[in-house]
Amino acid sequence: MAHLWPHRLFRLCAKHRCSEERQHNRASALVTNSGTHAAAEVVQLYIRKTSASVTQPVRKLKAYARVELQPASRQRVSFTLSGTDLAFLGQDLKNTIEPGEYLVWIAPSAEAPGLQARSRW
């Protein structure tokens, strides 16, 4: 299986939904192999708190999934984030979850632009 994303043979389209209860966020991407050979890809989910009380990394990896696709096939990859996935070390060095806006990316790597959505928690 080849890694084809850098050659732009994989395409993504995204859906992002926050549940009514605000207990879980769900993000998904439709991964398509538009090449002529079977291929594998690792789809990665990153998050970032937009304005936190402490400095946050630009992207924090929270989940990933490996997909193998035949030529011209596609598969939806879904991720669910809970409140604990949004926790980070606060100024008191304890895990904290701050309400507010979060950025969510689905991409093949931290450097790739991928798909982005904003969500309030």
PDB file of N, CA and C in Angstrom:
ATOM      1  N   MET A   1       0.836  -1.183   0.000  1.00  0.00           N
ATOM      2  CA  MET A   1       0.000   0.000   0.000  1.00  0.00           C
ATOM      3  C   MET A   1       0.883   1.250   0.000  1.00  0.00           C
ATOM      4  N   ALA A   2       0.547   2.186  -0.810  1.00  0.00           N
ATOM      5  CA  ALA A   2       1.324   3.423  -0.908  1.00  0.00           C
ATOM      6  C   ALA A   2       0.681   4.537  -0.103  1.00  0.00           C
ATOM      7  N   HIS A   3       1.509   5.468   0.314  1.00  0.00           N
ATOM      8  CA  HIS A   3       1.025   6.664   1.007  1.00  0.00           C
ATOM      9  C   HIS A   3       0.819   7.720  -0.080  1.00  0.00           C
ATOM     10  N   LEU A   4      -0.421   8.057  -0.405  1.00  0.00           N
ATOM     11  CA  LEU A   4      -0.672   8.879  -1.584  1.00  0.00           C
ATOM     12  C   LEU A   4      -1.041  10.325  -1.312  1.00  0.00           C
ATOM     13  N   TRP A   5      -1.313  10.712  -0.075  1.00  0.00           N
ATOM     14  CA  TRP A   5      -1.804  12.060   0.172  1.00  0.00           C
ATOM     15  C   TRP A   5      -0.881  13.148  -0.372  1.00  0.00           C
ATOM     16  N   PRO A   6       0.435  13.043  -0.198  1.00  0.00           N
ATOM     17  CA  PRO A   6       1.292  14.114  -0.698  1.00  0.00           C
ATOM     18  C   PRO A   6       1.143  14.348  -2.200  1.00  0.00           C
ATOM     19  N   HIS A   7       0.682  13.360  -2.904  1.00  0.00           N
ATOM     20  CA  HIS A   7       0.485  13.504  -4.343  1.00  0.00           C
ATOM     21  C   HIS A   7      -0.932  13.978  -4.665  1.00  0.00           C
ATOM     22  N   ARG A   8      -1.673  14.331  -3.634  1.00  0.00           N
ATOM     23  CA  ARG A   8      -3.035  14.861  -3.768  1.00  0.00           C
ATOM     24  C   ARG A   8      -4.000  13.882  -4.449  1.00  0.00           C
ATOM     25  N   LEU A   9      -3.757  12.608  -4.244  1.00  0.00           N
ATOM     26  CA  LEU A   9      -4.674  11.626  -4.792  1.00  0.00           C
ATOM     27  C   LEU A   9      -5.784  11.288  -3.811  1.00  0.00           C
ATOM     28  N   PHE A  10      -5.622  11.711  -2.560  1.00  0.00           N
ATOM     29  CA  PHE A  10      -6.690  11.568  -1.582  1.00  0.00           C
ATOM     30  C   PHE A  10      -7.389  12.903  -1.470  1.00  0.00           C
ATOM     31  N   ARG A  11      -8.687  12.876  -1.329  1.00  0.00           N
ATOM     32  CA  ARG A  11      -9.455  14.100  -1.130  1.00  0.00           C
ATOM     33  C   ARG A  11     -10.227  13.980   0.163  1.00  0.00           C
ATOM     34  N   LEU A  12     -10.435  15.099   0.824  1.00  0.00           N
ATOM     35  CA  LEU A  12     -11.212  15.144   2.058  1.00  0.00           C
ATOM     36  C   LEU A  12     -12.380  16.093   1.915  1.00  0.00           C
ATOM     37  N   CYS A  13     -13.488  15.750   2.518  1.00  0.00           N
ATOM     38  CA  CYS A  13     -14.554  16.723   2.736  1.00  0.00           C
ATOM     39  C   CYS A  13     -15.023  16.460   4.163  1.00  0.00           C
ATOM     40  N   ALA A  14     -15.483  17.480   4.836  1.00  0.00           N
ATOM     41  CA  ALA A  14     -15.713  17.336   6.278  1.00  0.00           C
ATOM     42  C   ALA A  14     -17.134  17.645   6.681  1.00  0.00           C
ATOM     43  N   LYS A  15     -17.516  17.035   7.779  1.00  0.00           N
ATOM     44  CA  LYS A  15     -18.733  17.353   8.510  1.00  0.00           C
ATOM     45  C   LYS A  15     -18.299  17.577   9.937  1.00  0.00           C
ATOM     46  N   HIS A  16     -18.884  18.561  10.581  1.00  0.00           N
ATOM     47  CA  HIS A  16     -18.543  18.823  11.981  1.00  0.00           C
ATOM     48  C   HIS A  16     -19.852  19.110  12.693  1.00  0.00           C
ATOM     49  N   ARG A  17     -20.049  18.481  13.828  1.00  0.00           N
ATOM     50  CA  ARG A  17     -21.315  18.642  14.536  1.00  0.00           C
ATOM     51  C   ARG A  17     -21.057  18.622  16.027  1.00  0.00           C
ATOM     52  N   CYS A  18     -21.718  19.515  16.710  1.00  0.00           N
ATOM     53  CA  CYS A  18     -21.639  19.526  18.165  1.00  0.00           C
ATOM     54  C   CYS A  18     -22.978  19.025  18.677  1.00  0.00           C
ATOM     55  N   SER A  19     -22.954  18.121  19.616  1.00  0.00           N
ATOM     56  CA  SER A  19     -24.202  17.549  20.117  1.00  0.00           C
ATOM     57  C   SER A  19     -24.990  18.574  20.913  1.00  0.00           C
ATOM     58  N   GLU A  20     -26.273  18.365  21.000  1.00  0.00           N
ATOM     59  CA  GLU A  20     -27.156  19.258  21.756  1.00  0.00           C
ATOM     60  C   GLU A  20     -26.704  19.364  23.208  1.00  0.00           C
ATOM     61  N   GLU A  21     -26.245  18.276  23.776  1.00  0.00           N
ATOM     62  CA  GLU A  21     -25.874  18.268  25.195  1.00  0.00           C
ATOM     63  C   GLU A  21     -24.523  18.905  25.440  1.00  0.00           C
ATOM     64  N   ARG A  22     -23.764  19.202  24.375  1.00  0.00           N
ATOM     65  CA  ARG A  22     -22.433  19.776  24.503  1.00  0.00           C
ATOM     66  C   ARG A  22     -21.479  18.861  25.267  1.00  0.00           C
ATOM     67  N   GLN A  23     -21.782  17.587  25.312  1.00  0.00           N
ATOM     68  CA  GLN A  23     -20.892  16.648  25.994  1.00  0.00           C
ATOM     69  C   GLN A  23     -19.916  16.010  25.018  1.00  0.00           C
ATOM     70  N   HIS A  24     -20.262  16.005  23.751  1.00  0.00           N
ATOM     71  CA  HIS A  24     -19.405  15.406  22.740  1.00  0.00           C
ATOM     72  C   HIS A  24     -19.425  16.245  21.473  1.00  0.00           C
ATOM     73  N   ASN A  25     -18.280  16.352  20.834  1.00  0.00           N
ATOM     74  CA  ASN A  25     -18.161  16.939  19.507  1.00  0.00           C
ATOM     75  C   ASN A  25     -17.815  15.815  18.552  1.00  0.00           C
ATOM     76  N   ARG A  26     -18.385  15.854  17.378  1.00  0.00           N
ATOM     77  CA  ARG A  26     -18.114  14.824  16.385  1.00  0.00           C
ATOM     78  C   ARG A  26     -17.621  15.516  15.124  1.00  0.00           C
ATOM     79  N   ALA A  27     -16.529  15.011  14.590  1.00  0.00           N
ATOM     80  CA  ALA A  27     -15.985  15.525  13.336  1.00  0.00           C
ATOM     81  C   ALA A  27     -15.735  14.337  12.428  1.00  0.00           C
ATOM     82  N   SER A  28     -15.999  14.511  11.148  1.00  0.00           N
ATOM     83  CA  SER A  28     -15.751  13.412  10.214  1.00  0.00           C
ATOM     84  C   SER A  28     -15.244  13.963   8.895  1.00  0.00           C
ATOM     85  N   ALA A  29     -14.574  13.109   8.162  1.00  0.00           N
ATOM     86  CA  ALA A  29     -14.049  13.463   6.846  1.00  0.00           C
ATOM     87  C   ALA A  29     -14.310  12.300   5.903  1.00  0.00           C
ATOM     88  N   LEU A  30     -14.623  12.630   4.681  1.00  0.00           N
ATOM     89  CA  LEU A  30     -14.785  11.621   3.643  1.00  0.00           C
ATOM     90  C   LEU A  30     -13.459  11.556   2.889  1.00  0.00           C
ATOM     91  N   VAL A  31     -12.779  10.414   2.978  1.00  0.00           N
ATOM     92  CA  VAL A  31     -11.472  10.233   2.345  1.00  0.00           C
ATOM     93  C   VAL A  31     -11.694   9.448   1.050  1.00  0.00           C
ATOM     94  N   THR A  32     -11.188   9.991  -0.053  1.00  0.00           N
ATOM     95  CA  THR A  32     -11.360   9.373  -1.365  1.00  0.00           C
ATOM     96  C   THR A  32     -10.010   9.075  -1.982  1.00  0.00           C
ATOM     97  N   ASN A  33      -9.839   7.871  -2.488  1.00  0.00           N
ATOM     98  CA  ASN A  33      -8.641   7.523  -3.244  1.00  0.00           C
ATOM     99  C   ASN A  33      -8.951   7.797  -4.709  1.00  0.00           C
ATOM    100  N   SER A  34      -8.420   8.896  -5.222  1.00  0.00           N
ATOM    101  CA  SER A  34      -8.671   9.247  -6.618  1.00  0.00           C
ATOM    102  C   SER A  34      -7.544   8.754  -7.522  1.00  0.00           C
ATOM    103  N   GLY A  35      -6.672   7.914  -6.979  1.00  0.00           N
ATOM    104  CA  GLY A  35      -5.575   7.349  -7.763  1.00  0.00           C
ATOM    105  C   GLY A  35      -5.978   6.077  -8.481  1.00  0.00           C
ATOM    106  N   THR A  36      -5.010   5.440  -9.100  1.00  0.00           N
ATOM    107  CA  THR A  36      -5.266   4.216  -9.860  1.00  0.00           C
ATOM    108  C   THR A  36      -4.777   2.960  -9.147  1.00  0.00           C
ATOM    109  N   HIS A  37      -4.231   3.122  -7.929  1.00  0.00           N
ATOM    110  CA  HIS A  37      -3.735   1.990  -7.153  1.00  0.00           C
ATOM    111  C   HIS A  37      -4.325   2.014  -5.748  1.00  0.00           C
ATOM    112  N   ALA A  38      -4.397   0.847  -5.122  1.00  0.00           N
ATOM    113  CA  ALA A  38      -4.823   0.780  -3.728  1.00  0.00           C
ATOM    114  C   ALA A  38      -3.828   1.573  -2.877  1.00  0.00           C
ATOM    115  N   ALA A  39      -4.331   2.200  -1.827  1.00  0.00           N
ATOM    116  CA  ALA A  39      -3.459   3.042  -1.004  1.00  0.00           C
ATOM    117  C   ALA A  39      -3.962   3.088   0.431  1.00  0.00           C
ATOM    118  N   ALA A  40      -3.063   3.500   1.332  1.00  0.00           N
ATOM    119  CA  ALA A  40      -3.403   3.653   2.746  1.00  0.00           C
ATOM    120  C   ALA A  40      -3.101   5.091   3.158  1.00  0.00           C
ATOM    121  N   GLU A  41      -3.866   5.571   4.127  1.00  0.00           N
ATOM    122  CA  GLU A  41      -3.656   6.918   4.651  1.00  0.00           C
ATOM    123  C   GLU A  41      -3.966   6.931   6.134  1.00  0.00           C
ATOM    124  N   VAL A  42      -3.268   7.773   6.882  1.00  0.00           N
ATOM    125  CA  VAL A  42      -3.569   7.978   8.295  1.00  0.00           C
ATOM    126  C   VAL A  42      -4.247   9.336   8.405  1.00  0.00           C
ATOM    127  N   VAL A  43      -5.513   9.312   8.775  1.00  0.00           N
ATOM    128  CA  VAL A  43      -6.298  10.536   8.934  1.00  0.00           C
ATOM    129  C   VAL A  43      -6.163  10.961  10.393  1.00  0.00           C
ATOM    130  N   GLN A  44      -5.776  12.220  10.627  1.00  0.00           N
ATOM    131  CA  GLN A  44      -5.460  12.679  11.977  1.00  0.00           C
ATOM    132  C   GLN A  44      -6.372  13.836  12.388  1.00  0.00           C
ATOM    133  N   LEU A  45      -6.735  13.848  13.668  1.00  0.00           N
ATOM    134  CA  LEU A  45      -7.583  14.905  14.226  1.00  0.00           C
ATOM    135  C   LEU A  45      -6.763  15.719  15.222  1.00  0.00           C
ATOM    136  N   TYR A  46      -6.744  17.029  15.032  1.00  0.00           N
ATOM    137  CA  TYR A  46      -6.020  17.950  15.909  1.00  0.00           C
ATOM    138  C   TYR A  46      -6.995  18.974  16.483  1.00  0.00           C
ATOM    139  N   ILE A  47      -6.672  19.494  17.675  1.00  0.00           N
ATOM    140  CA  ILE A  47      -7.490  20.554  18.257  1.00  0.00           C
ATOM    141  C   ILE A  47      -6.581  21.659  18.801  1.00  0.00           C
ATOM    142  N   ARG A  48      -7.202  22.826  19.031  1.00  0.00           N
ATOM    143  CA  ARG A  48      -6.525  23.946  19.682  1.00  0.00           C
ATOM    144  C   ARG A  48      -7.564  24.851  20.320  1.00  0.00           C
ATOM    145  N   LYS A  49      -7.331  25.249  21.552  1.00  0.00           N
ATOM    146  CA  LYS A  49      -8.168  26.237  22.237  1.00  0.00           C
ATOM    147  C   LYS A  49      -7.721  27.599  21.732  1.00  0.00           C
ATOM    148  N   THR A  50      -8.662  28.402  21.216  1.00  0.00           N
ATOM    149  CA  THR A  50      -8.276  29.655  20.576  1.00  0.00           C
ATOM    150  C   THR A  50      -7.762  30.703  21.555  1.00  0.00           C
ATOM    151  N   SER A  51      -8.368  30.852  22.711  1.00  0.00           N
ATOM    152  CA  SER A  51      -7.862  31.821  23.693  1.00  0.00           C
ATOM    153  C   SER A  51      -7.904  31.161  25.064  1.00  0.00           C
ATOM    154  N   ALA A  52      -6.788  30.566  25.436  1.00  0.00           N
ATOM    155  CA  ALA A  52      -6.694  29.839  26.705  1.00  0.00           C
ATOM    156  C   ALA A  52      -5.917  30.678  27.714  1.00  0.00           C
ATOM    157  N   SER A  53      -6.044  30.328  28.973  1.00  0.00           N
ATOM    158  CA  SER A  53      -5.337  31.047  30.045  1.00  0.00           C
ATOM    159  C   SER A  53      -3.841  30.765  30.029  1.00  0.00           C
ATOM    160  N   VAL A  54      -3.423  29.685  29.377  1.00  0.00           N
ATOM    161  CA  VAL A  54      -2.002  29.377  29.194  1.00  0.00           C
ATOM    162  C   VAL A  54      -1.749  29.119  27.709  1.00  0.00           C
ATOM    163  N   THR A  55      -0.541  29.334  27.270  1.00  0.00           N
ATOM    164  CA  THR A  55      -0.192  29.145  25.868  1.00  0.00           C
ATOM    165  C   THR A  55      -0.443  27.693  25.451  1.00  0.00           C
ATOM    166  N   GLN A  56      -1.068  27.536  24.292  1.00  0.00           N
ATOM    167  CA  GLN A  56      -1.401  26.215  23.766  1.00  0.00           C
ATOM    168  C   GLN A  56      -0.571  25.910  22.529  1.00  0.00           C
ATOM    169  N   PRO A  57      -0.306  24.642  22.253  1.00  0.00           N
ATOM    170  CA  PRO A  57       0.363  24.297  20.993  1.00  0.00           C
ATOM    171  C   PRO A  57      -0.533  24.677  19.810  1.00  0.00           C
ATOM    172  N   VAL A  58       0.076  24.896  18.669  1.00  0.00           N
ATOM    173  CA  VAL A  58      -0.689  25.266  17.480  1.00  0.00           C
ATOM    174  C   VAL A  58      -1.687  24.167  17.136  1.00  0.00           C
ATOM    175  N   ARG A  59      -1.252  22.919  17.189  1.00  0.00           N
ATOM    176  CA  ARG A  59      -2.130  21.772  16.959  1.00  0.00           C
ATOM    177  C   ARG A  59      -1.760  20.673  17.946  1.00  0.00           C
ATOM    178  N   LYS A  60      -2.780  20.074  18.551  1.00  0.00           N
ATOM    179  CA  LYS A  60      -2.565  18.976  19.488  1.00  0.00           C
ATOM    180  C   LYS A  60      -3.281  17.738  18.925  1.00  0.00           C
ATOM    181  N   LEU A  61      -2.509  16.687  18.624  1.00  0.00           N
ATOM    182  CA  LEU A  61      -3.076  15.458  18.074  1.00  0.00           C
ATOM    183  C   LEU A  61      -3.961  14.792  19.119  1.00  0.00           C
ATOM    184  N   LYS A  62      -5.219  14.502  18.757  1.00  0.00           N
ATOM    185  CA  LYS A  62      -6.151  13.884  19.689  1.00  0.00           C
ATOM    186  C   LYS A  62      -6.648  12.518  19.237  1.00  0.00           C
ATOM    187  N   ALA A  63      -6.609  12.255  17.942  1.00  0.00           N
ATOM    188  CA  ALA A  63      -7.088  10.956  17.445  1.00  0.00           C
ATOM    189  C   ALA A  63      -6.545  10.744  16.031  1.00  0.00           C
ATOM    190  N   TYR A  64      -6.511   9.485  15.633  1.00  0.00           N
ATOM    191  CA  TYR A  64      -6.124   9.170  14.261  1.00  0.00           C
ATOM    192  C   TYR A  64      -6.734   7.838  13.866  1.00  0.00           C
ATOM    193  N   ALA A  65      -6.831   7.623  12.565  1.00  0.00           N
ATOM    194  CA  ALA A  65      -7.365   6.366  12.038  1.00  0.00           C
ATOM    195  C   ALA A  65      -6.650   6.056  10.720  1.00  0.00           C
ATOM    196  N   ARG A  66      -6.311   4.799  10.532  1.00  0.00           N
ATOM    197  CA  ARG A  66      -5.683   4.365   9.283  1.00  0.00           C
ATOM    198  C   ARG A  66      -6.759   3.787   8.383  1.00  0.00           C
ATOM    199  N   VAL A  67      -6.775   4.232   7.133  1.00  0.00           N
ATOM    200  CA  VAL A  67      -7.743   3.709   6.171  1.00  0.00           C
ATOM    201  C   VAL A  67      -6.989   3.154   4.971  1.00  0.00           C
ATOM    202  N   GLU A  68      -7.502   2.068   4.438  1.00  0.00           N
ATOM    203  CA  GLU A  68      -6.968   1.476   3.215  1.00  0.00           C
ATOM    204  C   GLU A  68      -8.077   1.504   2.186  1.00  0.00           C
ATOM    205  N   LEU A  69      -7.765   2.066   1.029  1.00  0.00           N
ATOM    206  CA  LEU A  69      -8.795   2.252   0.007  1.00  0.00           C
ATOM    207  C   LEU A  69      -8.343   1.729  -1.344  1.00  0.00           C
ATOM    208  N   GLN A  70      -9.266   1.106  -2.031  1.00  0.00           N
ATOM    209  CA  GLN A  70      -9.041   0.689  -3.410  1.00  0.00           C
ATOM    210  C   GLN A  70      -9.197   1.921  -4.311  1.00  0.00           C
ATOM    211  N   PRO A  71      -8.707   1.871  -5.534  1.00  0.00           N
ATOM    212  CA  PRO A  71      -8.851   3.012  -6.440  1.00  0.00           C
ATOM    213  C   PRO A  71     -10.322   3.420  -6.585  1.00  0.00           C
ATOM    214  N   ALA A  72     -10.554   4.718  -6.610  1.00  0.00           N
ATOM    215  CA  ALA A  72     -11.884   5.322  -6.800  1.00  0.00           C
ATOM    216  C   ALA A  72     -12.867   4.995  -5.677  1.00  0.00           C
ATOM    217  N   SER A  73     -12.394   4.510  -4.555  1.00  0.00           N
ATOM    218  CA  SER A  73     -13.310   4.245  -3.446  1.00  0.00           C
ATOM    219  C   SER A  73     -13.152   5.329  -2.394  1.00  0.00           C
ATOM    220  N   ARG A  74     -14.118   5.377  -1.470  1.00  0.00           N
ATOM    221  CA  ARG A  74     -14.066   6.373  -0.409  1.00  0.00           C
ATOM    222  C   ARG A  74     -14.609   5.802   0.886  1.00  0.00           C
ATOM    223  N   GLN A  75     -14.225   6.445   1.969  1.00  0.00           N
ATOM    224  CA  GLN A  75     -14.651   5.987   3.295  1.00  0.00           C
ATOM    225  C   GLN A  75     -14.761   7.192   4.219  1.00  0.00           C
ATOM    226  N   ARG A  76     -15.835   7.229   5.003  1.00  0.00           N
ATOM    227  CA  ARG A  76     -15.990   8.291   5.989  1.00  0.00           C
ATOM    228  C   ARG A  76     -15.264   7.874   7.262  1.00  0.00           C
ATOM    229  N   VAL A  77     -14.445   8.778   7.770  1.00  0.00           N
ATOM    230  CA  VAL A  77     -13.711   8.566   9.015  1.00  0.00           C
ATOM    231  C   VAL A  77     -14.283   9.545  10.029  1.00  0.00           C
ATOM    232  N   SER A  78     -14.748   9.031  11.172  1.00  0.00           N
ATOM    233  CA  SER A  78     -15.379   9.874  12.187  1.00  0.00           C
ATOM    234  C   SER A  78     -14.609   9.816  13.496  1.00  0.00           C
ATOM    235  N   PHE A  79     -14.591  10.944  14.166  1.00  0.00           N
ATOM    236  CA  PHE A  79     -13.952  11.059  15.471  1.00  0.00           C
ATOM    237  C   PHE A  79     -14.940  11.719  16.423  1.00  0.00           C
ATOM    238  N   THR A  80     -14.930  11.309  17.684  1.00  0.00           N
ATOM    239  CA  THR A  80     -15.756  11.926  18.717  1.00  0.00           C
ATOM    240  C   THR A  80     -14.846  12.454  19.811  1.00  0.00           C
ATOM    241  N   LEU A  81     -15.018  13.728  20.146  1.00  0.00           N
ATOM    242  CA  LEU A  81     -14.252  14.357  21.218  1.00  0.00           C
ATOM    243  C   LEU A  81     -15.142  14.552  22.428  1.00  0.00           C
ATOM    244  N   SER A  82     -14.644  14.183  23.580  1.00  0.00           N
ATOM    245  CA  SER A  82     -15.373  14.430  24.824  1.00  0.00           C
ATOM    246  C   SER A  82     -14.680  15.571  25.561  1.00  0.00           C
ATOM    247  N   GLY A  83     -15.243  15.976  26.661  1.00  0.00           N
ATOM    248  CA  GLY A  83     -14.660  17.046  27.456  1.00  0.00           C
ATOM    249  C   GLY A  83     -13.241  16.753  27.889  1.00  0.00           C
ATOM    250  N   THR A  84     -12.957  15.508  28.232  1.00  0.00           N
ATOM    251  CA  THR A  84     -11.597  15.177  28.685  1.00  0.00           C
ATOM    252  C   THR A  84     -10.574  15.348  27.566  1.00  0.00           C
ATOM    253  N   ASP A  85     -10.997  15.226  26.305  1.00  0.00           N
ATOM    254  CA  ASP A  85     -10.084  15.444  25.178  1.00  0.00           C
ATOM    255  C   ASP A  85      -9.668  16.906  25.081  1.00  0.00           C
ATOM    256  N   LEU A  86     -10.465  17.804  25.650  1.00  0.00           N
ATOM    257  CA  LEU A  86     -10.179  19.238  25.570  1.00  0.00           C
ATOM    258  C   LEU A  86      -9.352  19.738  26.748  1.00  0.00           C
ATOM    259  N   ALA A  87      -9.089  18.877  27.720  1.00  0.00           N
ATOM    260  CA  ALA A  87      -8.354  19.286  28.927  1.00  0.00           C
ATOM    261  C   ALA A  87      -6.895  19.594  28.618  1.00  0.00           C
ATOM    262  N   PHE A  88      -6.349  20.547  29.369  1.00  0.00           N
ATOM    263  CA  PHE A  88      -4.930  20.875  29.286  1.00  0.00           C
ATOM    264  C   PHE A  88      -4.464  21.332  30.669  1.00  0.00           C
ATOM    265  N   LEU A  89      -3.149  21.406  30.850  1.00  0.00           N
ATOM    266  CA  LEU A  89      -2.617  21.837  32.139  1.00  0.00           C
ATOM    267  C   LEU A  89      -2.812  23.339  32.292  1.00  0.00           C
ATOM    268  N   GLY A  90      -3.515  23.725  33.347  1.00  0.00           N
ATOM    269  CA  GLY A  90      -3.765  25.138  33.615  1.00  0.00           C
ATOM    270  C   GLY A  90      -2.607  25.776  34.353  1.00  0.00           C
ATOM    271  N   GLN A  91      -2.791  27.028  34.758  1.00  0.00           N
ATOM    272  CA  GLN A  91      -1.738  27.758  35.463  1.00  0.00           C
ATOM    273  C   GLN A  91      -1.378  27.093  36.788  1.00  0.00           C
ATOM    274  N   ASP A  92      -2.323  26.380  37.385  1.00  0.00           N
ATOM    275  CA  ASP A  92      -2.068  25.688  38.654  1.00  0.00           C
ATOM    276  C   ASP A  92      -1.513  24.277  38.442  1.00  0.00           C
ATOM    277  N   LEU A  93      -1.177  23.947  37.184  1.00  0.00           N
ATOM    278  CA  LEU A  93      -0.629  22.647  36.783  1.00  0.00           C
ATOM    279  C   LEU A  93      -1.597  21.491  37.029  1.00  0.00           C
ATOM    280  N   LYS A  94      -2.891  21.787  36.998  1.00  0.00           N
ATOM    281  CA  LYS A  94      -3.933  20.765  37.082  1.00  0.00           C
ATOM    282  C   LYS A  94      -4.702  20.747  35.767  1.00  0.00           C
ATOM    283  N   ASN A  95      -5.224  19.565  35.429  1.00  0.00           N
ATOM    284  CA  ASN A  95      -6.036  19.482  34.221  1.00  0.00           C
ATOM    285  C   ASN A  95      -7.232  20.405  34.330  1.00  0.00           C
ATOM    286  N   THR A  96      -7.464  21.151  33.275  1.00  0.00           N
ATOM    287  CA  THR A  96      -8.580  22.076  33.255  1.00  0.00           C
ATOM    288  C   THR A  96      -9.246  22.053  31.882  1.00  0.00           C
ATOM    289  N   ILE A  97     -10.518  22.328  31.850  1.00  0.00           N
ATOM    290  CA  ILE A  97     -11.268  22.473  30.602  1.00  0.00           C
ATOM    291  C   ILE A  97     -11.890  23.862  30.642  1.00  0.00           C
ATOM    292  N   GLU A  98     -11.496  24.710  29.726  1.00  0.00           N
ATOM    293  CA  GLU A  98     -12.023  26.067  29.679  1.00  0.00           C
ATOM    294  C   GLU A  98     -13.107  26.165  28.617  1.00  0.00           C
ATOM    295  N   PRO A  99     -14.235  26.764  28.956  1.00  0.00           N
ATOM    296  CA  PRO A  99     -15.271  26.957  27.942  1.00  0.00           C
ATOM    297  C   PRO A  99     -14.779  27.957  26.893  1.00  0.00           C
ATOM    298  N   GLY A 100     -15.334  27.862  25.707  1.00  0.00           N
ATOM    299  CA  GLY A 100     -14.972  28.802  24.647  1.00  0.00           C
ATOM    300  C   GLY A 100     -14.818  28.102  23.318  1.00  0.00           C
ATOM    301  N   GLU A 101     -14.125  28.786  22.413  1.00  0.00           N
ATOM    302  CA  GLU A 101     -13.983  28.293  21.049  1.00  0.00           C
ATOM    303  C   GLU A 101     -12.746  27.411  20.900  1.00  0.00           C
ATOM    304  N   TYR A 102     -12.933  26.330  20.162  1.00  0.00           N
ATOM    305  CA  TYR A 102     -11.847  25.411  19.832  1.00  0.00           C
ATOM    306  C   TYR A 102     -11.767  25.274  18.321  1.00  0.00           C
ATOM    307  N   LEU A 103     -10.553  25.152  17.805  1.00  0.00           N
ATOM    308  CA  LEU A 103     -10.354  24.832  16.399  1.00  0.00           C
ATOM    309  C   LEU A 103     -10.143  23.335  16.289  1.00  0.00           C
ATOM    310  N   VAL A 104     -10.737  22.736  15.272  1.00  0.00           N
ATOM    311  CA  VAL A 104     -10.627  21.295  15.031  1.00  0.00           C
ATOM    312  C   VAL A 104     -10.138  21.119  13.600  1.00  0.00           C
ATOM    313  N   TRP A 105      -9.056  20.349  13.419  1.00  0.00           N
ATOM    314  CA  TRP A 105      -8.524  20.054  12.100  1.00  0.00           C
ATOM    315  C   TRP A 105      -8.555  18.555  11.858  1.00  0.00           C
ATOM    316  N   ILE A 106      -8.839  18.184  10.621  1.00  0.00           N
ATOM    317  CA  ILE A 106      -8.633  16.809  10.163  1.00  0.00           C
ATOM    318  C   ILE A 106      -7.666  16.921   8.997  1.00  0.00           C
ATOM    319  N   ALA A 107      -6.514  16.251   9.121  1.00  0.00           N
ATOM    320  CA  ALA A 107      -5.453  16.395   8.127  1.00  0.00           C
ATOM    321  C   ALA A 107      -4.580  15.142   8.112  1.00  0.00           C
ATOM    322  N   PRO A 108      -3.734  14.997   7.085  1.00  0.00           N
ATOM    323  CA  PRO A 108      -2.815  13.858   7.036  1.00  0.00           C
ATOM    324  C   PRO A 108      -1.586  14.046   7.905  1.00  0.00           C
ATOM    325  N   SER A 109      -1.319  15.294   8.342  1.00  0.00           N
ATOM    326  CA  SER A 109      -0.179  15.569   9.219  1.00  0.00           C
ATOM    327  C   SER A 109      -0.391  16.931   9.877  1.00  0.00           C
ATOM    328  N   ALA A 110       0.437  17.255  10.859  1.00  0.00           N
ATOM    329  CA  ALA A 110       0.310  18.541  11.549  1.00  0.00           C
ATOM    330  C   ALA A 110       0.663  19.707  10.627  1.00  0.00           C
ATOM    331  N   GLU A 111       1.487  19.487   9.632  1.00  0.00           N
ATOM    332  CA  GLU A 111       1.881  20.558   8.721  1.00  0.00           C
ATOM    333  C   GLU A 111       0.875  20.796   7.601  1.00  0.00           C
ATOM    334  N   ALA A 112       0.092  19.801   7.265  1.00  0.00           N
ATOM    335  CA  ALA A 112      -0.846  19.911   6.146  1.00  0.00           C
ATOM    336  C   ALA A 112      -2.039  20.782   6.531  1.00  0.00           C
ATOM    337  N   PRO A 113      -2.572  21.560   5.597  1.00  0.00           N
ATOM    338  CA  PRO A 113      -3.713  22.411   5.920  1.00  0.00           C
ATOM    339  C   PRO A 113      -4.969  21.620   6.285  1.00  0.00           C
ATOM    340  N   GLY A 114      -5.280  20.571   5.573  1.00  0.00           N
ATOM    341  CA  GLY A 114      -6.445  19.740   5.902  1.00  0.00           C
ATOM    342  C   GLY A 114      -7.744  20.511   5.942  1.00  0.00           C
ATOM    343  N   LEU A 115      -8.668  20.043   6.768  1.00  0.00           N
ATOM    344  CA  LEU A 115      -9.984  20.648   6.925  1.00  0.00           C
ATOM    345  C   LEU A 115     -10.074  21.238   8.309  1.00  0.00           C
ATOM    346  N   GLN A 116     -10.714  22.387   8.423  1.00  0.00           N
ATOM    347  CA  GLN A 116     -10.780  23.067   9.726  1.00  0.00           C
ATOM    348  C   GLN A 116     -12.211  23.489  10.020  1.00  0.00           C
ATOM    349  N   ALA A 117     -12.570  23.396  11.298  1.00  0.00           N
ATOM    350  CA  ALA A 117     -13.878  23.865  11.772  1.00  0.00           C
ATOM    351  C   ALA A 117     -13.685  24.500  13.131  1.00  0.00           C
ATOM    352  N   ARG A 118     -14.607  25.374  13.494  1.00  0.00           N
ATOM    353  CA  ARG A 118     -14.615  25.995  14.832  1.00  0.00           C
ATOM    354  C   ARG A 118     -15.798  25.454  15.601  1.00  0.00           C
ATOM    355  N   SER A 119     -15.592  25.248  16.889  1.00  0.00           N
ATOM    356  CA  SER A 119     -16.672  24.741  17.724  1.00  0.00           C
ATOM    357  C   SER A 119     -16.604  25.409  19.091  1.00  0.00           C
ATOM    358  N   ARG A 120     -17.752  25.679  19.661  1.00  0.00           N
ATOM    359  CA  ARG A 120     -17.816  26.236  21.017  1.00  0.00           C
ATOM    360  C   ARG A 120     -18.107  25.102  21.974  1.00  0.00           C
ATOM    361  N   TRP A 121     -17.468  25.119  23.097  1.00  0.00           N
ATOM    362  CA  TRP A 121     -17.653  24.069  24.096  1.00  0.00           C
ATOM    363  C   TRP A 121     -18.115  24.685  25.385  1.00  0.00           C
TER     364      TRP A 121
END
